[in-house]
Amino acid sequence: MRNTLIIKLLAAILTFSFLSGCGVLAVGGVVAGASVLADRRSPAVQAIDKGLELEASNALAKRYGDDAHINVTSFNQKVLLTGEAKNADIKSQAGAFVKSMKNARSVFNELVIGPNSSFTARANDSYLESKIKTQMIFTDKLPSNSMAIVAEGSSIYLMGILTQNEAAIAKKVTSNIDGVKDVYVYFDIISEAEKTRLEKQGKADEAQPNSMPKQ
């Protein structure tokens, strides 16, 4: 019961963090934020991912304005596009633009054709993301900070550098969260030996993982 209350509290506060841009948070001895578990990406790859997100987001917003609402998420140089586009041409052009970016390893274009989502819908998605993130923090043997979690219209997209077992746990945990409609995964799957190496060295730039297909 106590853990359930803590999870709900963390989810609510993490939602505020998503919406306000706040950073690290500590509640009841549990730390939420970038310091929970080590990121398996190298600092250089983390910087590249952040650069991809900023560059693509700014360029697409400038190019399409109110004709699209595009979220850009990059993890290990794999870029996910979610949100809405006014028509199929905008969706296609946005995907092509990101694919042309120098550091984009692959692009997953999940834009939906239709009107831009409302603030309420986006707030609900942020809350759903926070619930999933919080549950993963409380799940043993799951490196929550080596994943990106994106909610869009109650569909969840997971990216990260995980072992096959970790990937299965992450998908199961997400699927069991109330309010989740579908779960799609774009993981880079690594071996247990590679996991150990990355945890010791704290970097993933030398990894050569295989990608798990969308499910």
N, C-alpha and C. Protein backbone atom coordinates (compact mmCIF):
# COMPACT_ATOMS: atom_id res chain seq x y z
N MET A 1 0.83 -1.20 0.00
CA MET A 1 0.00 0.00 0.00
C MET A 1 0.87 1.25 0.00
N ARG A 2 1.93 1.23 0.84
CA ARG A 2 2.82 2.39 0.93
C ARG A 2 3.52 2.62 -0.41
N ASN A 3 3.99 1.52 -1.02
CA ASN A 3 4.65 1.67 -2.32
C ASN A 3 3.71 2.22 -3.38
N THR A 4 2.45 1.79 -3.33
CA THR A 4 1.46 2.29 -4.29
C THR A 4 1.27 3.79 -4.14
N LEU A 5 1.19 4.25 -2.90
CA LEU A 5 1.04 5.69 -2.66
C LEU A 5 2.27 6.45 -3.12
N ILE A 6 3.46 5.89 -2.88
CA ILE A 6 4.69 6.55 -3.31
C ILE A 6 4.74 6.64 -4.83
N ILE A 7 4.33 5.54 -5.51
CA ILE A 7 4.32 5.53 -6.97
C ILE A 7 3.38 6.61 -7.50
N LYS A 8 2.19 6.73 -6.90
CA LYS A 8 1.24 7.73 -7.35
C LYS A 8 1.79 9.14 -7.11
N LEU A 9 2.45 9.34 -5.96
CA LEU A 9 3.01 10.65 -5.66
C LEU A 9 4.12 10.99 -6.63
N LEU A 10 5.00 10.03 -6.87
CA LEU A 10 6.09 10.26 -7.82
C LEU A 10 5.56 10.54 -9.21
N ALA A 11 4.54 9.80 -9.62
CA ALA A 11 3.96 10.00 -10.95
C ALA A 11 3.42 11.42 -11.09
N ALA A 12 2.74 11.89 -10.04
CA ALA A 12 2.17 13.23 -10.11
C ALA A 12 3.26 14.29 -10.18
N ILE A 13 4.32 14.12 -9.38
CA ILE A 13 5.38 15.13 -9.36
C ILE A 13 6.21 15.04 -10.62
N LEU A 14 6.43 13.83 -11.13
CA LEU A 14 7.18 13.69 -12.37
C LEU A 14 6.42 14.32 -13.53
N THR A 15 5.09 14.26 -13.48
CA THR A 15 4.31 14.92 -14.52
C THR A 15 4.59 16.41 -14.50
N PHE A 16 4.66 16.98 -13.31
CA PHE A 16 5.00 18.40 -13.20
C PHE A 16 6.38 18.66 -13.78
N SER A 17 7.31 17.72 -13.56
CA SER A 17 8.66 17.88 -14.10
C SER A 17 8.63 17.87 -15.62
N PHE A 18 7.85 16.96 -16.22
CA PHE A 18 7.74 16.90 -17.68
C PHE A 18 7.20 18.21 -18.23
N LEU A 19 6.18 18.77 -17.56
CA LEU A 19 5.52 19.96 -18.08
C LEU A 19 6.28 21.24 -17.80
N SER A 20 7.07 21.25 -16.71
CA SER A 20 7.75 22.48 -16.32
C SER A 20 9.23 22.48 -16.63
N GLY A 21 9.77 21.31 -17.01
CA GLY A 21 11.19 21.24 -17.32
C GLY A 21 12.06 21.08 -16.09
N CYS A 22 11.48 20.68 -14.96
CA CYS A 22 12.27 20.51 -13.74
C CYS A 22 13.22 19.34 -13.88
N GLY A 23 14.21 19.28 -13.01
CA GLY A 23 15.24 18.26 -13.12
C GLY A 23 15.10 17.13 -12.14
N VAL A 24 16.08 16.98 -11.24
CA VAL A 24 16.14 15.84 -10.34
C VAL A 24 15.21 16.04 -9.15
N LEU A 25 14.64 14.95 -8.68
CA LEU A 25 13.65 15.00 -7.62
C LEU A 25 13.90 13.85 -6.65
N ALA A 26 13.72 14.09 -5.35
CA ALA A 26 13.88 13.03 -4.36
C ALA A 26 12.65 12.97 -3.48
N VAL A 27 12.06 11.78 -3.35
CA VAL A 27 10.86 11.61 -2.52
C VAL A 27 11.01 10.31 -1.74
N GLY A 28 10.89 10.39 -0.42
CA GLY A 28 10.91 9.20 0.41
C GLY A 28 12.15 8.35 0.22
N GLY A 29 13.28 8.97 -0.05
CA GLY A 29 14.51 8.22 -0.22
C GLY A 29 14.69 7.68 -1.61
N VAL A 30 13.71 7.89 -2.52
CA VAL A 30 13.82 7.42 -3.89
C VAL A 30 14.16 8.61 -4.78
N VAL A 31 15.23 8.51 -5.53
CA VAL A 31 15.64 9.62 -6.38
C VAL A 31 15.14 9.38 -7.78
N ALA A 32 14.45 10.38 -8.35
CA ALA A 32 13.95 10.28 -9.71
C ALA A 32 14.67 11.31 -10.56
N GLY A 33 15.05 10.91 -11.76
CA GLY A 33 15.77 11.84 -12.62
C GLY A 33 16.97 11.18 -13.22
N ALA A 34 17.89 11.99 -13.72
CA ALA A 34 19.01 11.45 -14.48
C ALA A 34 19.96 10.62 -13.64
N SER A 35 19.87 10.74 -12.31
CA SER A 35 20.84 10.05 -11.46
C SER A 35 20.36 8.70 -10.96
N VAL A 36 19.16 8.25 -11.36
CA VAL A 36 18.65 6.99 -10.83
C VAL A 36 19.55 5.83 -11.20
N LEU A 37 19.81 5.65 -12.46
CA LEU A 37 20.69 4.60 -12.93
C LEU A 37 21.53 5.15 -14.07
N ALA A 38 22.71 4.60 -14.24
CA ALA A 38 23.62 5.11 -15.26
C ALA A 38 23.05 4.89 -16.66
N ASP A 39 23.19 5.90 -17.50
CA ASP A 39 22.81 5.79 -18.90
C ASP A 39 23.87 4.96 -19.62
N ARG A 40 23.45 4.00 -20.40
CA ARG A 40 24.39 3.14 -21.11
C ARG A 40 24.98 3.80 -22.35
N ARG A 41 24.49 4.95 -22.73
CA ARG A 41 25.11 5.70 -23.81
C ARG A 41 26.34 6.43 -23.28
N SER A 42 27.31 6.63 -24.14
CA SER A 42 28.46 7.44 -23.75
C SER A 42 28.01 8.90 -23.65
N PRO A 43 28.76 9.73 -22.93
CA PRO A 43 28.43 11.16 -22.90
C PRO A 43 28.37 11.77 -24.29
N ALA A 44 29.25 11.31 -25.17
CA ALA A 44 29.27 11.84 -26.54
C ALA A 44 27.98 11.52 -27.28
N VAL A 45 27.49 10.28 -27.14
CA VAL A 45 26.25 9.89 -27.81
C VAL A 45 25.05 10.60 -27.19
N GLN A 46 25.08 10.79 -25.87
CA GLN A 46 24.01 11.54 -25.22
C GLN A 46 23.94 12.96 -25.78
N ALA A 47 25.11 13.56 -25.99
CA ALA A 47 25.17 14.91 -26.54
C ALA A 47 24.66 14.93 -27.98
N ILE A 48 25.02 13.91 -28.75
CA ILE A 48 24.53 13.82 -30.14
C ILE A 48 23.02 13.69 -30.15
N ASP A 49 22.48 12.84 -29.27
CA ASP A 49 21.02 12.68 -29.20
C ASP A 49 20.33 13.99 -28.87
N LYS A 50 20.86 14.71 -27.90
CA LYS A 50 20.26 15.99 -27.53
C LYS A 50 20.34 16.97 -28.70
N GLY A 51 21.46 16.96 -29.40
CA GLY A 51 21.61 17.84 -30.55
C GLY A 51 20.62 17.51 -31.65
N LEU A 52 20.43 16.22 -31.91
CA LEU A 52 19.46 15.80 -32.92
C LEU A 52 18.06 16.27 -32.56
N GLU A 53 17.69 16.10 -31.29
CA GLU A 53 16.36 16.50 -30.86
C GLU A 53 16.14 18.00 -31.02
N LEU A 54 17.11 18.78 -30.59
CA LEU A 54 16.98 20.24 -30.66
C LEU A 54 16.96 20.74 -32.10
N GLU A 55 17.91 20.24 -32.90
CA GLU A 55 18.00 20.68 -34.29
C GLU A 55 16.75 20.32 -35.07
N ALA A 56 16.32 19.06 -34.95
CA ALA A 56 15.15 18.61 -35.70
C ALA A 56 13.88 19.31 -35.22
N SER A 57 13.72 19.43 -33.92
CA SER A 57 12.51 20.08 -33.38
C SER A 57 12.40 21.52 -33.85
N ASN A 58 13.50 22.25 -33.76
CA ASN A 58 13.48 23.66 -34.17
C ASN A 58 13.22 23.80 -35.67
N ALA A 59 13.89 22.97 -36.46
CA ALA A 59 13.74 23.06 -37.92
C ALA A 59 12.33 22.70 -38.36
N LEU A 60 11.77 21.65 -37.78
CA LEU A 60 10.42 21.22 -38.18
C LEU A 60 9.36 22.20 -37.73
N ALA A 61 9.53 22.75 -36.54
CA ALA A 61 8.56 23.74 -36.05
C ALA A 61 8.59 24.99 -36.94
N LYS A 62 9.79 25.40 -37.32
CA LYS A 62 9.92 26.59 -38.19
C LYS A 62 9.34 26.32 -39.57
N ARG A 63 9.54 25.10 -40.06
CA ARG A 63 9.11 24.77 -41.41
C ARG A 63 7.59 24.61 -41.50
N TYR A 64 6.97 23.97 -40.50
CA TYR A 64 5.56 23.61 -40.63
C TYR A 64 4.62 24.41 -39.73
N GLY A 65 5.13 25.09 -38.73
CA GLY A 65 4.28 25.92 -37.88
C GLY A 65 3.10 25.16 -37.31
N ASP A 66 1.91 25.73 -37.45
CA ASP A 66 0.70 25.11 -36.91
C ASP A 66 0.17 23.97 -37.76
N ASP A 67 0.82 23.68 -38.87
CA ASP A 67 0.38 22.57 -39.72
C ASP A 67 0.85 21.22 -39.18
N ALA A 68 1.63 21.24 -38.12
CA ALA A 68 2.10 19.99 -37.53
C ALA A 68 2.49 20.21 -36.08
N HIS A 69 2.39 19.15 -35.31
CA HIS A 69 2.89 19.15 -33.92
C HIS A 69 3.78 17.91 -33.82
N ILE A 70 5.09 18.15 -33.90
CA ILE A 70 6.03 17.03 -34.03
C ILE A 70 6.95 16.95 -32.82
N ASN A 71 6.92 15.80 -32.15
CA ASN A 71 7.84 15.52 -31.05
C ASN A 71 9.01 14.71 -31.59
N VAL A 72 10.21 15.09 -31.24
CA VAL A 72 11.41 14.40 -31.70
C VAL A 72 12.12 13.79 -30.50
N THR A 73 12.30 12.48 -30.52
CA THR A 73 13.02 11.78 -29.45
C THR A 73 14.16 10.99 -30.07
N SER A 74 15.36 11.21 -29.59
CA SER A 74 16.52 10.48 -30.10
C SER A 74 17.18 9.70 -28.97
N PHE A 75 17.46 8.44 -29.22
CA PHE A 75 18.16 7.61 -28.24
C PHE A 75 19.13 6.71 -28.97
N ASN A 76 20.40 6.83 -28.64
CA ASN A 76 21.45 6.07 -29.31
C ASN A 76 21.42 6.31 -30.82
N GLN A 77 21.10 7.56 -31.18
CA GLN A 77 21.07 8.05 -32.56
C GLN A 77 19.97 7.42 -33.41
N LYS A 78 18.98 6.85 -32.75
CA LYS A 78 17.77 6.39 -33.41
C LYS A 78 16.69 7.41 -33.09
N VAL A 79 16.06 7.96 -34.12
CA VAL A 79 15.15 9.09 -33.92
C VAL A 79 13.70 8.67 -34.14
N LEU A 80 12.87 9.02 -33.17
CA LEU A 80 11.44 8.73 -33.22
C LEU A 80 10.66 10.03 -33.39
N LEU A 81 9.76 10.05 -34.36
CA LEU A 81 8.87 11.19 -34.58
C LEU A 81 7.46 10.80 -34.18
N THR A 82 6.89 11.55 -33.25
CA THR A 82 5.52 11.32 -32.84
C THR A 82 4.76 12.64 -32.87
N GLY A 83 3.45 12.56 -32.83
CA GLY A 83 2.64 13.76 -32.88
C GLY A 83 1.70 13.72 -34.07
N GLU A 84 1.39 14.90 -34.61
CA GLU A 84 0.41 14.99 -35.68
C GLU A 84 0.93 15.84 -36.84
N ALA A 85 0.51 15.47 -38.04
CA ALA A 85 0.81 16.25 -39.24
C ALA A 85 -0.50 16.48 -39.99
N LYS A 86 -0.63 17.65 -40.60
CA LYS A 86 -1.87 18.02 -41.27
C LYS A 86 -2.18 17.09 -42.43
N ASN A 87 -1.15 16.63 -43.14
CA ASN A 87 -1.37 15.74 -44.28
C ASN A 87 -0.19 14.79 -44.47
N ALA A 88 -0.34 13.84 -45.38
CA ALA A 88 0.68 12.82 -45.60
C ALA A 88 1.97 13.41 -46.14
N ASP A 89 1.86 14.49 -46.92
CA ASP A 89 3.07 15.11 -47.47
C ASP A 89 3.96 15.65 -46.36
N ILE A 90 3.36 16.31 -45.38
CA ILE A 90 4.14 16.84 -44.27
C ILE A 90 4.80 15.70 -43.49
N LYS A 91 4.05 14.64 -43.25
CA LYS A 91 4.62 13.50 -42.55
C LYS A 91 5.82 12.95 -43.30
N SER A 92 5.67 12.75 -44.58
CA SER A 92 6.76 12.20 -45.39
C SER A 92 7.96 13.14 -45.43
N GLN A 93 7.71 14.43 -45.61
CA GLN A 93 8.79 15.40 -45.68
C GLN A 93 9.54 15.49 -44.35
N ALA A 94 8.81 15.45 -43.25
CA ALA A 94 9.44 15.51 -41.94
C ALA A 94 10.35 14.31 -41.73
N GLY A 95 9.87 13.13 -42.10
CA GLY A 95 10.69 11.93 -41.97
C GLY A 95 11.94 12.00 -42.83
N ALA A 96 11.78 12.47 -44.06
CA ALA A 96 12.92 12.57 -44.97
C ALA A 96 13.95 13.57 -44.46
N PHE A 97 13.47 14.68 -43.89
CA PHE A 97 14.39 15.69 -43.35
C PHE A 97 15.26 15.09 -42.25
N VAL A 98 14.63 14.38 -41.32
CA VAL A 98 15.37 13.82 -40.20
C VAL A 98 16.34 12.73 -40.68
N LYS A 99 15.89 11.93 -41.65
CA LYS A 99 16.77 10.89 -42.19
C LYS A 99 18.03 11.48 -42.82
N SER A 100 17.91 12.70 -43.33
CA SER A 100 19.05 13.34 -43.97
C SER A 100 20.04 13.94 -42.98
N MET A 101 19.69 13.98 -41.71
CA MET A 101 20.57 14.57 -40.71
C MET A 101 21.79 13.68 -40.50
N LYS A 102 22.92 14.30 -40.37
CA LYS A 102 24.20 13.61 -40.35
C LYS A 102 24.28 12.50 -39.30
N ASN A 103 23.82 12.76 -38.10
CA ASN A 103 24.02 11.81 -37.00
C ASN A 103 22.84 10.89 -36.73
N ALA A 104 21.81 10.94 -37.58
CA ALA A 104 20.65 10.07 -37.38
C ALA A 104 20.95 8.68 -37.94
N ARG A 105 20.98 7.69 -37.05
CA ARG A 105 21.28 6.31 -37.46
C ARG A 105 20.08 5.67 -38.15
N SER A 106 18.89 5.92 -37.62
CA SER A 106 17.66 5.43 -38.22
C SER A 106 16.52 6.31 -37.73
N VAL A 107 15.41 6.30 -38.47
CA VAL A 107 14.27 7.17 -38.14
C VAL A 107 12.99 6.34 -38.15
N PHE A 108 12.17 6.52 -37.13
CA PHE A 108 10.88 5.85 -37.02
C PHE A 108 9.81 6.95 -37.05
N ASN A 109 9.08 7.01 -38.15
CA ASN A 109 8.11 8.08 -38.35
C ASN A 109 6.72 7.60 -37.94
N GLU A 110 6.30 7.98 -36.73
CA GLU A 110 5.01 7.56 -36.19
C GLU A 110 4.02 8.72 -36.14
N LEU A 111 4.24 9.73 -36.97
CA LEU A 111 3.31 10.85 -37.02
C LEU A 111 1.93 10.39 -37.48
N VAL A 112 0.91 10.94 -36.87
CA VAL A 112 -0.48 10.63 -37.21
C VAL A 112 -1.02 11.75 -38.09
N ILE A 113 -1.74 11.40 -39.13
CA ILE A 113 -2.35 12.41 -39.99
C ILE A 113 -3.63 12.90 -39.34
N GLY A 114 -3.67 14.19 -39.03
CA GLY A 114 -4.85 14.74 -38.39
C GLY A 114 -4.54 16.06 -37.71
N PRO A 115 -5.53 16.64 -37.01
CA PRO A 115 -5.33 17.93 -36.33
C PRO A 115 -4.38 17.79 -35.14
N ASN A 116 -3.79 18.89 -34.77
CA ASN A 116 -2.87 18.88 -33.62
C ASN A 116 -3.62 18.50 -32.35
N SER A 117 -2.96 17.76 -31.49
CA SER A 117 -3.56 17.34 -30.23
C SER A 117 -3.76 18.55 -29.31
N SER A 118 -4.70 18.42 -28.40
CA SER A 118 -5.00 19.49 -27.45
C SER A 118 -4.01 19.48 -26.29
N PHE A 119 -3.98 20.57 -25.55
CA PHE A 119 -3.12 20.63 -24.37
C PHE A 119 -3.52 19.55 -23.37
N THR A 120 -4.82 19.32 -23.24
CA THR A 120 -5.30 18.30 -22.30
C THR A 120 -4.78 16.92 -22.69
N ALA A 121 -4.83 16.61 -23.98
CA ALA A 121 -4.34 15.31 -24.45
C ALA A 121 -2.85 15.18 -24.19
N ARG A 122 -2.10 16.25 -24.39
CA ARG A 122 -0.65 16.21 -24.16
C ARG A 122 -0.34 16.06 -22.67
N ALA A 123 -1.14 16.72 -21.84
CA ALA A 123 -0.95 16.59 -20.39
C ALA A 123 -1.24 15.16 -19.94
N ASN A 124 -2.27 14.55 -20.52
CA ASN A 124 -2.59 13.16 -20.18
C ASN A 124 -1.45 12.23 -20.59
N ASP A 125 -0.87 12.48 -21.76
CA ASP A 125 0.26 11.66 -22.21
C ASP A 125 1.46 11.84 -21.28
N SER A 126 1.70 13.07 -20.84
CA SER A 126 2.82 13.32 -19.92
C SER A 126 2.61 12.57 -18.60
N TYR A 127 1.38 12.58 -18.13
CA TYR A 127 1.06 11.86 -16.89
C TYR A 127 1.27 10.36 -17.08
N LEU A 128 0.86 9.85 -18.24
CA LEU A 128 1.05 8.43 -18.52
C LEU A 128 2.53 8.08 -18.57
N GLU A 129 3.32 8.93 -19.21
CA GLU A 129 4.77 8.72 -19.24
C GLU A 129 5.34 8.66 -17.82
N SER A 130 4.87 9.57 -16.98
CA SER A 130 5.39 9.62 -15.62
C SER A 130 5.01 8.37 -14.82
N LYS A 131 3.81 7.86 -15.04
CA LYS A 131 3.40 6.63 -14.35
C LYS A 131 4.28 5.45 -14.76
N ILE A 132 4.57 5.36 -16.05
CA ILE A 132 5.41 4.27 -16.54
C ILE A 132 6.82 4.40 -16.00
N LYS A 133 7.38 5.61 -16.08
CA LYS A 133 8.72 5.86 -15.58
C LYS A 133 8.83 5.51 -14.11
N THR A 134 7.84 5.92 -13.34
CA THR A 134 7.85 5.64 -11.90
C THR A 134 7.80 4.15 -11.62
N GLN A 135 6.94 3.43 -12.35
CA GLN A 135 6.83 1.99 -12.15
C GLN A 135 8.14 1.30 -12.50
N MET A 136 8.80 1.78 -13.55
CA MET A 136 10.07 1.17 -13.94
C MET A 136 11.15 1.41 -12.90
N ILE A 137 11.11 2.59 -12.24
CA ILE A 137 12.07 2.86 -11.17
C ILE A 137 11.91 1.84 -10.05
N PHE A 138 10.69 1.41 -9.81
CA PHE A 138 10.41 0.46 -8.74
C PHE A 138 10.53 -1.00 -9.19
N THR A 139 10.93 -1.22 -10.43
CA THR A 139 11.06 -2.58 -10.95
C THR A 139 12.51 -3.02 -10.90
N ASP A 140 12.76 -4.14 -10.22
CA ASP A 140 14.12 -4.66 -10.10
C ASP A 140 14.69 -5.06 -11.46
N LYS A 141 15.99 -4.90 -11.61
CA LYS A 141 16.73 -5.35 -12.79
C LYS A 141 16.27 -4.67 -14.08
N LEU A 142 15.79 -3.45 -13.94
CA LEU A 142 15.37 -2.70 -15.12
C LEU A 142 16.07 -1.35 -15.12
N PRO A 143 16.97 -1.11 -16.08
CA PRO A 143 17.73 0.15 -16.12
C PRO A 143 16.90 1.28 -16.70
N SER A 144 16.05 1.87 -15.89
CA SER A 144 15.09 2.86 -16.38
C SER A 144 15.77 4.06 -17.02
N ASN A 145 16.99 4.38 -16.60
CA ASN A 145 17.66 5.53 -17.18
C ASN A 145 18.39 5.22 -18.46
N SER A 146 18.27 4.00 -18.93
CA SER A 146 18.81 3.66 -20.24
C SER A 146 17.68 3.44 -21.22
N MET A 147 16.57 4.16 -20.98
CA MET A 147 15.41 4.08 -21.86
C MET A 147 14.80 5.45 -22.06
N ALA A 148 14.11 5.60 -23.18
CA ALA A 148 13.27 6.76 -23.42
C ALA A 148 11.84 6.26 -23.52
N ILE A 149 10.92 6.97 -22.88
CA ILE A 149 9.50 6.58 -22.86
C ILE A 149 8.70 7.72 -23.46
N VAL A 150 7.95 7.42 -24.51
CA VAL A 150 7.15 8.44 -25.19
C VAL A 150 5.71 7.98 -25.26
N ALA A 151 4.79 8.81 -24.78
CA ALA A 151 3.36 8.51 -24.88
C ALA A 151 2.73 9.47 -25.89
N GLU A 152 1.93 8.93 -26.76
CA GLU A 152 1.24 9.73 -27.77
C GLU A 152 -0.13 9.13 -28.01
N GLY A 153 -1.16 9.80 -27.52
CA GLY A 153 -2.51 9.27 -27.68
C GLY A 153 -2.70 7.93 -27.03
N SER A 154 -2.09 7.73 -25.87
CA SER A 154 -2.16 6.48 -25.09
C SER A 154 -1.37 5.33 -25.70
N SER A 155 -0.73 5.55 -26.84
CA SER A 155 0.21 4.57 -27.38
C SER A 155 1.60 4.89 -26.81
N ILE A 156 2.33 3.86 -26.45
CA ILE A 156 3.63 4.06 -25.81
C ILE A 156 4.74 3.54 -26.72
N TYR A 157 5.79 4.35 -26.82
CA TYR A 157 6.96 3.99 -27.61
C TYR A 157 8.16 3.93 -26.67
N LEU A 158 8.87 2.80 -26.71
CA LEU A 158 10.01 2.60 -25.84
C LEU A 158 11.29 2.49 -26.67
N MET A 159 12.32 3.21 -26.26
CA MET A 159 13.63 3.12 -26.90
C MET A 159 14.66 2.89 -25.81
N GLY A 160 15.75 2.24 -26.14
CA GLY A 160 16.77 2.03 -25.13
C GLY A 160 17.80 1.00 -25.52
N ILE A 161 18.76 0.80 -24.63
CA ILE A 161 19.83 -0.19 -24.80
C ILE A 161 19.65 -1.22 -23.71
N LEU A 162 19.06 -2.38 -24.05
CA LEU A 162 18.68 -3.38 -23.06
C LEU A 162 19.06 -4.77 -23.51
N THR A 163 19.14 -5.67 -22.53
CA THR A 163 19.26 -7.09 -22.87
C THR A 163 17.87 -7.59 -23.27
N GLN A 164 17.83 -8.79 -23.84
CA GLN A 164 16.54 -9.35 -24.24
C GLN A 164 15.61 -9.50 -23.05
N ASN A 165 16.14 -9.93 -21.91
CA ASN A 165 15.33 -10.10 -20.72
C ASN A 165 14.81 -8.77 -20.21
N GLU A 166 15.68 -7.75 -20.19
CA GLU A 166 15.26 -6.42 -19.76
C GLU A 166 14.18 -5.86 -20.68
N ALA A 167 14.34 -6.09 -21.97
CA ALA A 167 13.36 -5.60 -22.94
C ALA A 167 11.98 -6.22 -22.69
N ALA A 168 11.97 -7.52 -22.40
CA ALA A 168 10.70 -8.21 -22.13
C ALA A 168 10.05 -7.65 -20.87
N ILE A 169 10.85 -7.40 -19.84
CA ILE A 169 10.32 -6.84 -18.59
C ILE A 169 9.75 -5.45 -18.84
N ALA A 170 10.50 -4.63 -19.57
CA ALA A 170 10.06 -3.26 -19.83
C ALA A 170 8.73 -3.24 -20.58
N LYS A 171 8.61 -4.10 -21.56
CA LYS A 171 7.36 -4.13 -22.33
C LYS A 171 6.21 -4.63 -21.47
N LYS A 172 6.46 -5.63 -20.62
CA LYS A 172 5.41 -6.16 -19.76
C LYS A 172 4.95 -5.12 -18.75
N VAL A 173 5.92 -4.44 -18.12
CA VAL A 173 5.58 -3.41 -17.14
C VAL A 173 4.72 -2.33 -17.79
N THR A 174 5.13 -1.89 -18.96
CA THR A 174 4.40 -0.83 -19.67
C THR A 174 3.00 -1.28 -20.05
N SER A 175 2.88 -2.49 -20.56
CA SER A 175 1.58 -3.00 -21.00
C SER A 175 0.59 -3.10 -19.85
N ASN A 176 1.10 -3.28 -18.63
CA ASN A 176 0.23 -3.46 -17.47
C ASN A 176 -0.20 -2.15 -16.82
N ILE A 177 0.30 -1.03 -17.32
CA ILE A 177 -0.08 0.27 -16.76
C ILE A 177 -1.47 0.66 -17.24
N ASP A 178 -2.31 1.06 -16.31
CA ASP A 178 -3.67 1.48 -16.66
C ASP A 178 -3.63 2.69 -17.59
N GLY A 179 -4.38 2.61 -18.69
CA GLY A 179 -4.43 3.71 -19.63
C GLY A 179 -3.59 3.51 -20.88
N VAL A 180 -2.72 2.50 -20.85
CA VAL A 180 -1.88 2.22 -22.02
C VAL A 180 -2.66 1.42 -23.06
N LYS A 181 -2.66 1.91 -24.29
CA LYS A 181 -3.40 1.25 -25.36
C LYS A 181 -2.52 0.26 -26.13
N ASP A 182 -1.40 0.75 -26.63
CA ASP A 182 -0.47 -0.08 -27.40
C ASP A 182 0.95 0.21 -26.94
N VAL A 183 1.83 -0.77 -27.12
CA VAL A 183 3.25 -0.59 -26.78
C VAL A 183 4.10 -0.97 -27.98
N TYR A 184 4.96 -0.05 -28.40
CA TYR A 184 5.88 -0.29 -29.51
C TYR A 184 7.31 -0.13 -29.01
N VAL A 185 8.18 -1.04 -29.42
CA VAL A 185 9.55 -1.00 -28.90
C VAL A 185 10.56 -0.85 -30.03
N TYR A 186 11.56 -0.02 -29.76
CA TYR A 186 12.65 0.21 -30.70
C TYR A 186 13.97 0.06 -29.96
N PHE A 187 14.12 -1.04 -29.28
CA PHE A 187 15.30 -1.26 -28.45
C PHE A 187 16.51 -1.67 -29.27
N ASP A 188 17.69 -1.32 -28.77
CA ASP A 188 18.93 -1.93 -29.21
C ASP A 188 19.22 -3.04 -28.22
N ILE A 189 19.23 -4.28 -28.72
CA ILE A 189 19.40 -5.44 -27.84
C ILE A 189 20.88 -5.80 -27.72
N ILE A 190 21.34 -5.92 -26.48
CA ILE A 190 22.73 -6.27 -26.21
C ILE A 190 22.79 -7.57 -25.40
N SER A 191 23.95 -8.18 -25.41
CA SER A 191 24.16 -9.42 -24.65
C SER A 191 24.39 -9.10 -23.18
N GLU A 192 24.30 -10.13 -22.34
CA GLU A 192 24.59 -9.96 -20.91
C GLU A 192 26.04 -9.52 -20.72
N ALA A 193 26.93 -10.06 -21.55
CA ALA A 193 28.35 -9.69 -21.45
C ALA A 193 28.54 -8.21 -21.79
N GLU A 194 27.84 -7.75 -22.82
CA GLU A 194 27.93 -6.34 -23.21
C GLU A 194 27.32 -5.45 -22.13
N LYS A 195 26.25 -5.91 -21.52
CA LYS A 195 25.64 -5.17 -20.42
C LYS A 195 26.65 -4.96 -19.30
N THR A 196 27.36 -6.02 -18.94
CA THR A 196 28.36 -5.94 -17.88
C THR A 196 29.46 -4.96 -18.25
N ARG A 197 29.90 -5.03 -19.50
CA ARG A 197 30.96 -4.13 -19.95
C ARG A 197 30.52 -2.68 -19.88
N LEU A 198 29.29 -2.42 -20.34
CA LEU A 198 28.79 -1.05 -20.35
C LEU A 198 28.60 -0.51 -18.93
N GLU A 199 28.16 -1.38 -18.04
CA GLU A 199 27.95 -0.95 -16.66
C GLU A 199 29.28 -0.63 -15.99
N LYS A 200 30.32 -1.37 -16.38
CA LYS A 200 31.63 -1.11 -15.81
C LYS A 200 32.26 0.15 -16.40
N GLN A 201 32.12 0.33 -17.68
CA GLN A 201 32.78 1.44 -18.35
C GLN A 201 31.90 2.68 -18.47
N GLY A 202 30.58 2.48 -18.34
CA GLY A 202 29.67 3.60 -18.40
C GLY A 202 29.56 4.23 -19.77
N LYS A 203 29.72 3.42 -20.81
CA LYS A 203 29.59 3.97 -22.15
C LYS A 203 29.03 2.91 -23.09
N ALA A 204 28.46 3.36 -24.19
CA ALA A 204 27.86 2.45 -25.16
C ALA A 204 28.30 2.77 -26.58
N ASP A 205 29.28 3.64 -26.73
CA ASP A 205 29.65 4.07 -28.08
C ASP A 205 30.34 2.98 -28.88
N GLU A 206 30.88 1.97 -28.21
CA GLU A 206 31.54 0.90 -28.92
C GLU A 206 30.63 -0.31 -29.16
N ALA A 207 29.39 -0.19 -28.64
CA ALA A 207 28.46 -1.31 -28.80
C ALA A 207 27.99 -1.41 -30.25
N GLN A 208 27.75 -2.63 -30.66
CA GLN A 208 27.21 -2.87 -31.98
C GLN A 208 25.95 -3.71 -31.83
N PRO A 209 24.88 -3.13 -31.25
CA PRO A 209 23.69 -3.92 -30.94
C PRO A 209 22.84 -4.17 -32.17
N ASN A 210 22.02 -5.20 -32.07
CA ASN A 210 21.00 -5.45 -33.08
C ASN A 210 19.73 -4.78 -32.66
N SER A 211 18.94 -4.29 -33.61
CA SER A 211 17.71 -3.60 -33.28
C SER A 211 16.55 -4.57 -33.20
N MET A 212 15.74 -4.40 -32.18
CA MET A 212 14.52 -5.20 -32.05
C MET A 212 13.46 -4.58 -32.95
N PRO A 213 12.77 -5.35 -33.79
CA PRO A 213 11.75 -4.77 -34.66
C PRO A 213 10.54 -4.30 -33.88
N LYS A 214 9.79 -3.42 -34.51
CA LYS A 214 8.55 -2.93 -33.91
C LYS A 214 7.59 -4.08 -33.68
N GLN A 215 6.95 -4.10 -32.54
CA GLN A 215 6.03 -5.19 -32.21
C GLN A 215 4.64 -4.63 -31.94
